[in-house]
PDB file of N, CA and C in Angstrom:
ATOM      1  N   MET A   1      27.936  34.918 148.542  1.00  0.00           N
ATOM      2  CA  MET A   1      28.471  33.908 148.167  1.00  0.00           C
ATOM      3  C   MET A   1      29.679  34.064 146.989  1.00  0.00           C
ATOM      4  N   HIS A   2      30.585  33.292 147.585  1.00  0.00           N
ATOM      5  CA  HIS A   2      31.929  33.277 146.451  1.00  0.00           C
ATOM      6  C   HIS A   2      32.159  32.700 145.404  1.00  0.00           C
ATOM      7  N   HIS A   3      32.415  33.168 144.231  1.00  0.00           N
ATOM      8  CA  HIS A   3      32.648  32.357 143.190  1.00  0.00           C
ATOM      9  C   HIS A   3      34.323  32.174 142.791  1.00  0.00           C
ATOM     10  N   ASP A   4      35.131  32.604 144.076  1.00  0.00           N
ATOM     11  CA  ASP A   4      36.505  32.009 143.903  1.00  0.00           C
ATOM     12  C   ASP A   4      36.820  30.691 142.795  1.00  0.00           C
ATOM     13  N   GLY A   5      36.435  30.051 143.419  1.00  0.00           N
ATOM     14  CA  GLY A   5      36.733  28.969 142.824  1.00  0.00           C
ATOM     15  C   GLY A   5      36.382  28.525 141.336  1.00  0.00           C
ATOM     16  N   VAL A   6      35.136  28.950 141.186  1.00  0.00           N
ATOM     17  CA  VAL A   6      35.135  28.987 139.622  1.00  0.00           C
ATOM     18  C   VAL A   6      36.084  29.397 138.537  1.00  0.00           C
ATOM     19  N   GLY A   7      36.504  30.779 139.277  1.00  0.00           N
ATOM     20  CA  GLY A   7      37.279  31.179 138.221  1.00  0.00           C
ATOM     21  C   GLY A   7      38.359  30.642 138.368  1.00  0.00           C
ATOM     22  N   CYS A   8      39.023  29.697 139.490  1.00  0.00           N
ATOM     23  CA  CYS A   8      40.260  29.173 140.065  1.00  0.00           C
ATOM     24  C   CYS A   8      39.812  27.918 138.712  1.00  0.00           C
ATOM     25  N   VAL A   9      38.935  27.571 139.072  1.00  0.00           N
ATOM     26  CA  VAL A   9      38.744  26.357 138.017  1.00  0.00           C
ATOM     27  C   VAL A   9      38.561  26.441 136.389  1.00  0.00           C
ATOM     28  N   LEU A  10      38.257  27.877 135.845  1.00  0.00           N
ATOM     29  CA  LEU A  10      38.462  28.036 135.063  1.00  0.00           C
ATOM     30  C   LEU A  10      39.829  28.459 134.190  1.00  0.00           C
ATOM     31  N   GLY A  11      39.916  29.229 135.155  1.00  0.00           N
ATOM     32  CA  GLY A  11      41.626  29.316 134.915  1.00  0.00           C
ATOM     33  C   GLY A  11      42.631  28.034 134.182  1.00  0.00           C
ATOM     34  N   VAL A  12      42.723  27.215 135.421  1.00  0.00           N
ATOM     35  CA  VAL A  12      43.330  25.905 135.020  1.00  0.00           C
ATOM     36  C   VAL A  12      42.572  25.218 133.908  1.00  0.00           C
ATOM     37  N   ALA A  13      41.350  25.187 133.678  1.00  0.00           N
ATOM     38  CA  ALA A  13      41.088  24.640 132.744  1.00  0.00           C
ATOM     39  C   ALA A  13      41.752  25.132 131.279  1.00  0.00           C
ATOM     40  N   ALA A  14      41.501  26.604 131.072  1.00  0.00           N
ATOM     41  CA  ALA A  14      42.292  27.229 129.836  1.00  0.00           C
ATOM     42  C   ALA A  14      43.943  26.950 130.018  1.00  0.00           C
ATOM     43  N   TYR A  15      44.124  26.766 131.213  1.00  0.00           N
ATOM     44  CA  TYR A  15      45.807  26.473 131.144  1.00  0.00           C
ATOM     45  C   TYR A  15      45.784  25.441 130.386  1.00  0.00           C
ATOM     46  N   LEU A  16      44.717  24.332 130.637  1.00  0.00           N
ATOM     47  CA  LEU A  16      45.342  22.513 130.412  1.00  0.00           C
ATOM     48  C   LEU A  16      45.019  22.663 128.752  1.00  0.00           C
ATOM     49  N   TYR A  17      43.756  23.288 128.518  1.00  0.00           N
ATOM     50  CA  TYR A  17      43.539  23.633 126.725  1.00  0.00           C
ATOM     51  C   TYR A  17      44.475  23.662 126.086  1.00  0.00           C
ATOM     52  N   ILE A  18      45.122  25.140 126.699  1.00  0.00           N
ATOM     53  CA  ILE A  18      46.098  25.541 125.303  1.00  0.00           C
ATOM     54  C   ILE A  18      47.420  24.802 125.656  1.00  0.00           C
ATOM     55  N   ALA A  19      47.980  24.298 126.766  1.00  0.00           N
ATOM     56  CA  ALA A  19      49.276  23.580 127.196  1.00  0.00           C
ATOM     57  C   ALA A  19      48.776  22.253 126.181  1.00  0.00           C
ATOM     58  N   THR A  20      47.625  21.787 126.074  1.00  0.00           N
ATOM     59  CA  THR A  20      47.355  20.260 125.487  1.00  0.00           C
ATOM     60  C   THR A  20      47.646  20.765 124.444  1.00  0.00           C
ATOM     61  N   GLY A  21      46.866  21.444 123.590  1.00  0.00           N
ATOM     62  CA  GLY A  21      46.993  21.971 122.161  1.00  0.00           C
ATOM     63  C   GLY A  21      48.007  22.307 121.782  1.00  0.00           C
ATOM     64  N   ILE A  22      49.378  22.755 122.512  1.00  0.00           N
ATOM     65  CA  ILE A  22      50.675  23.223 121.894  1.00  0.00           C
ATOM     66  C   ILE A  22      51.333  21.897 121.673  1.00  0.00           C
ATOM     67  N   PHE A  23      51.237  21.355 123.175  1.00  0.00           N
ATOM     68  CA  PHE A  23      51.703  20.077 122.945  1.00  0.00           C
ATOM     69  C   PHE A  23      51.320  18.872 122.063  1.00  0.00           C
ATOM     70  N   LEU A  24      50.079  19.005 121.728  1.00  0.00           N
ATOM     71  CA  LEU A  24      49.710  18.288 120.220  1.00  0.00           C
ATOM     72  C   LEU A  24      50.206  18.903 119.046  1.00  0.00           C
ATOM     73  N   ILE A  25      50.515  20.209 119.013  1.00  0.00           N
ATOM     74  CA  ILE A  25      51.079  20.924 117.785  1.00  0.00           C
ATOM     75  C   ILE A  25      52.669  20.453 117.755  1.00  0.00           C
ATOM     76  N   ALA A  26      53.025  20.350 118.704  1.00  0.00           N
ATOM     77  CA  ALA A  26      54.733  19.945 119.375  1.00  0.00           C
ATOM     78  C   ALA A  26      54.918  18.817 118.818  1.00  0.00           C
ATOM     79  N   ARG A  27      53.762  17.990 119.096  1.00  0.00           N
ATOM     80  CA  ARG A  27      54.015  16.361 118.812  1.00  0.00           C
ATOM     81  C   ARG A  27      54.052  16.152 117.050  1.00  0.00           C
ATOM     82  N   LYS A  28      53.051  16.981 116.676  1.00  0.00           N
ATOM     83  CA  LYS A  28      52.451  16.968 114.843  1.00  0.00           C
ATOM     84  C   LYS A  28      53.463  17.473 114.220  1.00  0.00           C
ATOM     85  N   THR A  29      54.313  18.482 114.634  1.00  0.00           N
ATOM     86  CA  THR A  29      55.466  18.797 113.990  1.00  0.00           C
ATOM     87  C   THR A  29      57.021  18.153 114.295  1.00  0.00           C
ATOM     88  N   GLY A  30      57.068  17.187 115.099  1.00  0.00           N
ATOM     89  CA  GLY A  30      58.220  16.524 115.213  1.00  0.00           C
ATOM     90  C   GLY A  30      58.997  17.504 116.069  1.00  0.00           C
ATOM     91  N   THR A  31      58.527  18.364 117.012  1.00  0.00           N
ATOM     92  CA  THR A  31      59.143  19.255 117.544  1.00  0.00           C
ATOM     93  C   THR A  31      60.036  18.199 118.702  1.00  0.00           C
ATOM     94  N   ASP A  32      61.108  18.369 119.205  1.00  0.00           N
ATOM     95  CA  ASP A  32      61.219  17.575 120.734  1.00  0.00           C
ATOM     96  C   ASP A  32      60.965  18.547 121.748  1.00  0.00           C
ATOM     97  N   ASN A  33      60.756  17.324 123.208  1.00  0.00           N
ATOM     98  CA  ASN A  33      60.559  18.045 124.147  1.00  0.00           C
ATOM     99  C   ASN A  33      58.564  18.895 124.116  1.00  0.00           C
ATOM    100  N   ALA A  34      58.110  18.209 123.750  1.00  0.00           N
ATOM    101  CA  ALA A  34      56.937  18.652 123.960  1.00  0.00           C
ATOM    102  C   ALA A  34      56.406  18.232 124.936  1.00  0.00           C
ATOM    103  N   TRP A  35      56.789  18.019 126.024  1.00  0.00           N
ATOM    104  CA  TRP A  35      55.882  17.930 127.359  1.00  0.00           C
ATOM    105  C   TRP A  35      56.367  20.012 128.022  1.00  0.00           C
ATOM    106  N   PHE A  36      57.322  20.362 127.309  1.00  0.00           N
ATOM    107  CA  PHE A  36      57.392  21.885 127.666  1.00  0.00           C
ATOM    108  C   PHE A  36      56.099  22.777 127.379  1.00  0.00           C
ATOM    109  N   ALA A  37      55.269  22.212 126.927  1.00  0.00           N
ATOM    110  CA  ALA A  37      54.213  22.746 126.820  1.00  0.00           C
ATOM    111  C   ALA A  37      53.084  23.202 127.777  1.00  0.00           C
ATOM    112  N   PHE A  38      53.738  22.372 128.965  1.00  0.00           N
ATOM    113  CA  PHE A  38      52.922  22.173 130.263  1.00  0.00           C
ATOM    114  C   PHE A  38      53.745  23.556 131.321  1.00  0.00           C
ATOM    115  N   VAL A  39      55.015  23.529 130.895  1.00  0.00           N
ATOM    116  CA  VAL A  39      55.935  24.203 131.978  1.00  0.00           C
ATOM    117  C   VAL A  39      55.871  25.815 131.492  1.00  0.00           C
ATOM    118  N   PRO A  40      55.313  26.577 132.629  1.00  0.00           N
ATOM    119  CA  PRO A  40      55.334  27.651 131.588  1.00  0.00           C
ATOM    120  C   PRO A  40      56.816  28.814 131.622  1.00  0.00           C
ATOM    121  N   ILE A  41      57.391  29.414 130.685  1.00  0.00           N
ATOM    122  CA  ILE A  41      58.636  29.741 129.849  1.00  0.00           C
ATOM    123  C   ILE A  41      59.010  28.882 128.917  1.00  0.00           C
ATOM    124  N   LEU A  42      58.989  27.698 129.560  1.00  0.00           N
ATOM    125  CA  LEU A  42      59.555  26.652 128.639  1.00  0.00           C
ATOM    126  C   LEU A  42      58.779  26.621 127.540  1.00  0.00           C
ATOM    127  N   ASN A  43      57.574  26.673 127.702  1.00  0.00           N
ATOM    128  CA  ASN A  43      56.389  26.764 126.537  1.00  0.00           C
ATOM    129  C   ASN A  43      56.745  27.894 125.769  1.00  0.00           C
ATOM    130  N   LEU A  44      57.106  29.040 125.802  1.00  0.00           N
ATOM    131  CA  LEU A  44      57.629  29.860 125.180  1.00  0.00           C
ATOM    132  C   LEU A  44      58.616  29.692 123.940  1.00  0.00           C
ATOM    133  N   ILE A  45      59.804  28.516 124.610  1.00  0.00           N
ATOM    134  CA  ILE A  45      60.859  28.138 124.044  1.00  0.00           C
ATOM    135  C   ILE A  45      60.205  27.098 123.080  1.00  0.00           C
ATOM    136  N   LEU A  46      59.383  26.396 123.489  1.00  0.00           N
ATOM    137  CA  LEU A  46      59.131  25.501 122.684  1.00  0.00           C
ATOM    138  C   LEU A  46      58.011  26.141 121.430  1.00  0.00           C
ATOM    139  N   LEU A  47      57.169  27.026 121.615  1.00  0.00           N
ATOM    140  CA  LEU A  47      57.016  27.904 120.703  1.00  0.00           C
ATOM    141  C   LEU A  47      57.515  28.404 119.680  1.00  0.00           C
ATOM    142  N   LEU A  48      58.580  28.892 120.104  1.00  0.00           N
ATOM    143  CA  LEU A  48      59.918  29.242 119.048  1.00  0.00           C
ATOM    144  C   LEU A  48      60.843  28.219 118.498  1.00  0.00           C
ATOM    145  N   GLN A  49      60.626  27.180 119.043  1.00  0.00           N
ATOM    146  CA  GLN A  49      61.227  25.830 118.340  1.00  0.00           C
ATOM    147  C   GLN A  49      60.208  25.345 117.060  1.00  0.00           C
ATOM    148  N   ILE A  50      58.813  25.427 117.328  1.00  0.00           N
ATOM    149  CA  ILE A  50      57.933  25.032 116.246  1.00  0.00           C
ATOM    150  C   ILE A  50      58.010  25.799 115.283  1.00  0.00           C
ATOM    151  N   ALA A  51      57.976  27.324 115.741  1.00  0.00           N
ATOM    152  CA  ALA A  51      57.799  28.071 114.554  1.00  0.00           C
ATOM    153  C   ALA A  51      59.351  28.683 113.919  1.00  0.00           C
ATOM    154  N   ASP A  52      59.950  27.870 114.819  1.00  0.00           N
ATOM    155  CA  ASP A  52      61.665  27.799 113.723  1.00  0.00           C
ATOM    156  C   ASP A  52      62.106  29.135 113.909  1.00  0.00           C
ATOM    157  N   ARG A  53      62.155  29.366 114.670  1.00  0.00           N
ATOM    158  CA  ARG A  53      62.674  30.820 115.266  1.00  0.00           C
ATOM    159  C   ARG A  53      63.643  30.949 116.175  1.00  0.00           C
ATOM    160  N   PRO A  54      64.828  31.939 116.322  1.00  0.00           N
ATOM    161  CA  PRO A  54      65.845  31.718 117.292  1.00  0.00           C
ATOM    162  C   PRO A  54      65.124  31.888 118.495  1.00  0.00           C
ATOM    163  N   ILE A  55      66.286  31.253 119.479  1.00  0.00           N
ATOM    164  CA  ILE A  55      65.705  31.152 120.782  1.00  0.00           C
ATOM    165  C   ILE A  55      65.651  32.839 122.066  1.00  0.00           C
ATOM    166  N   TRP A  56      66.647  33.399 121.181  1.00  0.00           N
ATOM    167  CA  TRP A  56      66.774  34.899 121.523  1.00  0.00           C
ATOM    168  C   TRP A  56      65.396  35.587 121.566  1.00  0.00           C
ATOM    169  N   TRP A  57      64.651  35.101 120.490  1.00  0.00           N
ATOM    170  CA  TRP A  57      63.147  35.970 120.420  1.00  0.00           C
ATOM    171  C   TRP A  57      62.457  36.030 121.636  1.00  0.00           C
ATOM    172  N   PHE A  58      63.137  34.683 122.745  1.00  0.00           N
ATOM    173  CA  PHE A  58      62.450  35.224 123.999  1.00  0.00           C
ATOM    174  C   PHE A  58      62.092  36.150 124.467  1.00  0.00           C
ATOM    175  N   LEU A  59      63.504  37.013 124.318  1.00  0.00           N
ATOM    176  CA  LEU A  59      63.853  38.181 125.005  1.00  0.00           C
ATOM    177  C   LEU A  59      62.736  39.246 124.398  1.00  0.00           C
ATOM    178  N   LEU A  60      62.390  38.822 123.136  1.00  0.00           N
ATOM    179  CA  LEU A  60      61.570  39.618 123.035  1.00  0.00           C
ATOM    180  C   LEU A  60      60.043  39.829 122.959  1.00  0.00           C
ATOM    181  N   LEU A  61      59.827  38.477 123.604  1.00  0.00           N
ATOM    182  CA  LEU A  61      58.276  38.559 123.932  1.00  0.00           C
ATOM    183  C   LEU A  61      58.331  38.951 125.423  1.00  0.00           C
ATOM    184  N   MET A  62      59.568  39.356 126.020  1.00  0.00           N
ATOM    185  CA  MET A  62      59.368  39.879 127.063  1.00  0.00           C
ATOM    186  C   MET A  62      59.205  41.335 127.404  1.00  0.00           C
ATOM    187  N   ILE A  63      59.183  42.132 126.213  1.00  0.00           N
ATOM    188  CA  ILE A  63      59.037  43.137 126.267  1.00  0.00           C
ATOM    189  C   ILE A  63      57.650  43.978 125.357  1.00  0.00           C
ATOM    190  N   PRO A  64      57.325  44.361 126.588  1.00  0.00           N
ATOM    191  CA  PRO A  64      55.594  44.920 126.288  1.00  0.00           C
ATOM    192  C   PRO A  64      55.380  45.728 124.560  1.00  0.00           C
ATOM    193  N   LEU A  65      54.022  45.260 124.344  1.00  0.00           N
ATOM    194  CA  LEU A  65      53.861  46.080 122.598  1.00  0.00           C
ATOM    195  C   LEU A  65      54.876  45.099 122.118  1.00  0.00           C
ATOM    196  N   VAL A  66      56.344  45.310 121.769  1.00  0.00           N
ATOM    197  CA  VAL A  66      56.654  44.234 120.911  1.00  0.00           C
ATOM    198  C   VAL A  66      56.037  42.874 120.843  1.00  0.00           C
ATOM    199  N   ASN A  67      56.112  42.373 121.974  1.00  0.00           N
ATOM    200  CA  ASN A  67      55.651  41.278 122.040  1.00  0.00           C
ATOM    201  C   ASN A  67      54.459  40.755 121.356  1.00  0.00           C
ATOM    202  N   VAL A  68      53.254  41.659 121.477  1.00  0.00           N
ATOM    203  CA  VAL A  68      52.106  41.379 120.233  1.00  0.00           C
ATOM    204  C   VAL A  68      52.670  40.763 118.996  1.00  0.00           C
ATOM    205  N   VAL A  69      53.556  41.768 118.792  1.00  0.00           N
ATOM    206  CA  VAL A  69      53.980  41.618 117.270  1.00  0.00           C
ATOM    207  C   VAL A  69      55.044  40.161 117.029  1.00  0.00           C
ATOM    208  N   ILE A  70      55.884  40.168 117.930  1.00  0.00           N
ATOM    209  CA  ILE A  70      56.468  38.703 117.997  1.00  0.00           C
ATOM    210  C   ILE A  70      55.825  37.555 117.948  1.00  0.00           C
ATOM    211  N   ALA A  71      54.623  37.664 118.849  1.00  0.00           N
ATOM    212  CA  ALA A  71      53.695  36.490 119.063  1.00  0.00           C
ATOM    213  C   ALA A  71      53.186  36.487 117.748  1.00  0.00           C
ATOM    214  N   VAL A  72      52.420  37.647 117.185  1.00  0.00           N
ATOM    215  CA  VAL A  72      51.891  37.101 115.633  1.00  0.00           C
ATOM    216  C   VAL A  72      52.950  36.469 115.015  1.00  0.00           C
ATOM    217  N   ILE A  73      53.739  36.963 114.747  1.00  0.00           N
ATOM    218  CA  ILE A  73      54.845  36.264 113.926  1.00  0.00           C
ATOM    219  C   ILE A  73      55.035  34.731 114.569  1.00  0.00           C
ATOM    220  N   VAL A  74      55.265  34.508 115.921  1.00  0.00           N
ATOM    221  CA  VAL A  74      55.862  33.188 115.920  1.00  0.00           C
ATOM    222  C   VAL A  74      54.281  32.025 115.671  1.00  0.00           C
ATOM    223  N   TRP A  75      53.182  32.616 116.099  1.00  0.00           N
ATOM    224  CA  TRP A  75      52.108  31.689 115.631  1.00  0.00           C
ATOM    225  C   TRP A  75      51.683  31.684 113.774  1.00  0.00           C
ATOM    226  N   MET A  76      52.249  32.912 113.335  1.00  0.00           N
ATOM    227  CA  MET A  76      52.023  32.408 111.675  1.00  0.00           C
ATOM    228  C   MET A  76      53.033  31.721 111.303  1.00  0.00           C
ATOM    229  N   GLY A  77      54.395  31.305 112.079  1.00  0.00           N
ATOM    230  CA  GLY A  77      55.257  30.105 111.647  1.00  0.00           C
ATOM    231  C   GLY A  77      54.548  28.828 112.194  1.00  0.00           C
ATOM    232  N   ILE A  78      54.137  29.203 113.380  1.00  0.00           N
ATOM    233  CA  ILE A  78      53.457  27.744 114.019  1.00  0.00           C
ATOM    234  C   ILE A  78      52.295  27.138 112.879  1.00  0.00           C
ATOM    235  N   ALA A  79      51.572  28.159 112.642  1.00  0.00           N
ATOM    236  CA  ALA A  79      50.397  27.649 111.329  1.00  0.00           C
ATOM    237  C   ALA A  79      50.747  27.188 110.120  1.00  0.00           C
ATOM    238  N   GLU A  80      52.015  27.534 109.846  1.00  0.00           N
ATOM    239  CA  GLU A  80      52.837  27.571 108.543  1.00  0.00           C
ATOM    240  C   GLU A  80      53.609  25.721 108.957  1.00  0.00           C
ATOM    241  N   ALA A  81      54.097  25.799 109.975  1.00  0.00           N
ATOM    242  CA  ALA A  81      54.822  24.286 110.088  1.00  0.00           C
ATOM    243  C   ALA A  81      53.629  22.872 110.653  1.00  0.00           C
ATOM    244  N   ARG A  82      52.567  23.561 110.684  1.00  0.00           N
ATOM    245  CA  ARG A  82      51.171  22.924 110.385  1.00  0.00           C
ATOM    246  C   ARG A  82      51.137  22.545 109.560  1.00  0.00           C
ATOM    247  N   GLY A  83      51.298  23.249 108.106  1.00  0.00           N
ATOM    248  CA  GLY A  83      50.944  23.599 106.873  1.00  0.00           C
ATOM    249  C   GLY A  83      49.517  24.156 106.543  1.00  0.00           C
ATOM    250  N   LYS A  84      49.402  25.186 107.188  1.00  0.00           N
ATOM    251  CA  LYS A  84      48.223  26.049 107.278  1.00  0.00           C
ATOM    252  C   LYS A  84      48.809  27.170 106.339  1.00  0.00           C
ATOM    253  N   PRO A  85      48.009  28.158 106.407  1.00  0.00           N
ATOM    254  CA  PRO A  85      48.235  29.641 105.876  1.00  0.00           C
ATOM    255  C   PRO A  85      48.835  30.268 107.098  1.00  0.00           C
ATOM    256  N   GLY A  86      49.855  31.521 106.891  1.00  0.00           N
ATOM    257  CA  GLY A  86      50.471  31.833 107.669  1.00  0.00           C
ATOM    258  C   GLY A  86      49.240  33.000 108.734  1.00  0.00           C
ATOM    259  N   TRP A  87      48.006  33.668 107.679  1.00  0.00           N
ATOM    260  CA  TRP A  87      46.998  34.174 108.355  1.00  0.00           C
ATOM    261  C   TRP A  87      46.536  33.820 109.362  1.00  0.00           C
ATOM    262  N   VAL A  88      46.712  32.400 109.368  1.00  0.00           N
ATOM    263  CA  VAL A  88      45.861  31.783 110.578  1.00  0.00           C
ATOM    264  C   VAL A  88      46.467  32.521 112.013  1.00  0.00           C
ATOM    265  N   GLY A  89      47.583  32.156 112.050  1.00  0.00           N
ATOM    266  CA  GLY A  89      48.141  32.956 113.048  1.00  0.00           C
ATOM    267  C   GLY A  89      48.102  34.535 113.455  1.00  0.00           C
ATOM    268  N   ILE A  90      47.786  35.334 112.922  1.00  0.00           N
ATOM    269  CA  ILE A  90      47.516  36.435 112.921  1.00  0.00           C
ATOM    270  C   ILE A  90      46.117  36.461 113.849  1.00  0.00           C
ATOM    271  N   LEU A  91      45.375  35.406 113.650  1.00  0.00           N
ATOM    272  CA  LEU A  91      44.320  35.193 114.502  1.00  0.00           C
ATOM    273  C   LEU A  91      44.334  35.308 115.565  1.00  0.00           C
ATOM    274  N   MET A  92      45.635  34.938 116.181  1.00  0.00           N
ATOM    275  CA  MET A  92      45.531  34.470 117.509  1.00  0.00           C
ATOM    276  C   MET A  92      45.479  35.750 118.473  1.00  0.00           C
ATOM    277  N   ILE A  93      45.290  37.006 117.859  1.00  0.00           N
ATOM    278  CA  ILE A  93      44.918  38.142 118.497  1.00  0.00           C
ATOM    279  C   ILE A  93      44.057  38.556 118.943  1.00  0.00           C
ATOM    280  N   LEU A  94      42.493  37.761 118.282  1.00  0.00           N
ATOM    281  CA  LEU A  94      41.811  37.902 118.671  1.00  0.00           C
ATOM    282  C   LEU A  94      40.951  36.958 120.188  1.00  0.00           C
ATOM    283  N   PRO A  95      40.536  37.559 120.945  1.00  0.00           N
ATOM    284  CA  PRO A  95      40.216  37.228 122.113  1.00  0.00           C
ATOM    285  C   PRO A  95      39.214  35.845 122.074  1.00  0.00           C
ATOM    286  N   GLY A  96      38.975  34.822 122.381  1.00  0.00           N
ATOM    287  CA  GLY A  96      37.658  33.816 122.147  1.00  0.00           C
ATOM    288  C   GLY A  96      38.572  33.179 121.025  1.00  0.00           C
ATOM    289  N   VAL A  97      38.648  33.616 119.620  1.00  0.00           N
ATOM    290  CA  VAL A  97      38.933  33.073 118.375  1.00  0.00           C
ATOM    291  C   VAL A  97      40.844  32.884 118.615  1.00  0.00           C
ATOM    292  N   ASN A  98      41.571  33.068 119.423  1.00  0.00           N
ATOM    293  CA  ASN A  98      42.324  32.099 119.780  1.00  0.00           C
ATOM    294  C   ASN A  98      42.506  31.107 120.329  1.00  0.00           C
ATOM    295  N   LEU A  99      41.277  30.786 121.148  1.00  0.00           N
ATOM    296  CA  LEU A  99      41.228  29.180 121.321  1.00  0.00           C
ATOM    297  C   LEU A  99      40.981  28.307 120.520  1.00  0.00           C
ATOM    298  N   VAL A 100      40.049  28.854 119.838  1.00  0.00           N
ATOM    299  CA  VAL A 100      39.852  27.932 118.356  1.00  0.00           C
ATOM    300  C   VAL A 100      40.696  27.777 117.326  1.00  0.00           C
ATOM    301  N   VAL A 101      41.585  28.626 117.117  1.00  0.00           N
ATOM    302  CA  VAL A 101      42.711  28.588 116.565  1.00  0.00           C
ATOM    303  C   VAL A 101      43.433  27.801 116.876  1.00  0.00           C
ATOM    304  N   ILE A 102      43.956  27.522 118.372  1.00  0.00           N
ATOM    305  CA  ILE A 102      44.923  26.837 118.777  1.00  0.00           C
ATOM    306  C   ILE A 102      44.736  24.932 119.236  1.00  0.00           C
ATOM    307  N   GLY A 103      43.221  25.069 118.867  1.00  0.00           N
ATOM    308  CA  GLY A 103      42.515  23.700 118.761  1.00  0.00           C
ATOM    309  C   GLY A 103      42.474  23.311 117.587  1.00  0.00           C
ATOM    310  N   TYR A 104      42.339  24.514 116.320  1.00  0.00           N
ATOM    311  CA  TYR A 104      42.382  24.085 114.995  1.00  0.00           C
ATOM    312  C   TYR A 104      43.682  23.677 115.141  1.00  0.00           C
ATOM    313  N   LEU A 105      44.715  24.193 115.102  1.00  0.00           N
ATOM    314  CA  LEU A 105      46.325  23.818 114.486  1.00  0.00           C
ATOM    315  C   LEU A 105      46.478  22.694 115.297  1.00  0.00           C
ATOM    316  N   ALA A 106      45.984  22.544 116.680  1.00  0.00           N
ATOM    317  CA  ALA A 106      46.203  20.829 117.343  1.00  0.00           C
ATOM    318  C   ALA A 106      45.673  19.739 116.792  1.00  0.00           C
ATOM    319  N   LEU A 107      44.520  19.809 116.425  1.00  0.00           N
ATOM    320  CA  LEU A 107      43.547  18.679 115.975  1.00  0.00           C
ATOM    321  C   LEU A 107      43.312  18.393 114.543  1.00  0.00           C
ATOM    322  N   SER A 108      43.501  19.791 113.414  1.00  0.00           N
ATOM    323  CA  SER A 108      43.288  19.455 112.297  1.00  0.00           C
ATOM    324  C   SER A 108      44.527  18.480 111.683  1.00  0.00           C
ATOM    325  N   ALA A 109      44.096  17.979 110.467  1.00  0.00           N
ATOM    326  CA  ALA A 109      45.195  16.623 109.540  1.00  0.00           C
ATOM    327  C   ALA A 109      46.364  17.290 108.909  1.00  0.00           C
TER     328      ALA A 109
END
């Protein structure tokens, strides 16, 4: 019995959940082009815009290990843009918890 379809469905569901979360965060922060959340690569540009970081940081997100540090800094900026403490962004490095953080930042007041 093959379960390839299950993995594919779960992958698409996770992608849509994360993209929708980023979309809602962009809308709540008044960031232009919230639809970028659903387009690979453009979604990284959108995250940088929400966090008020320079677009050239996109290049840093392409460098292994450096990207982890930059992503944490960006998510800290996103948390602050949503009026939450910056340390919430640090939680994005924890698998599973990161999904809760995106939901929290997207859906909280």
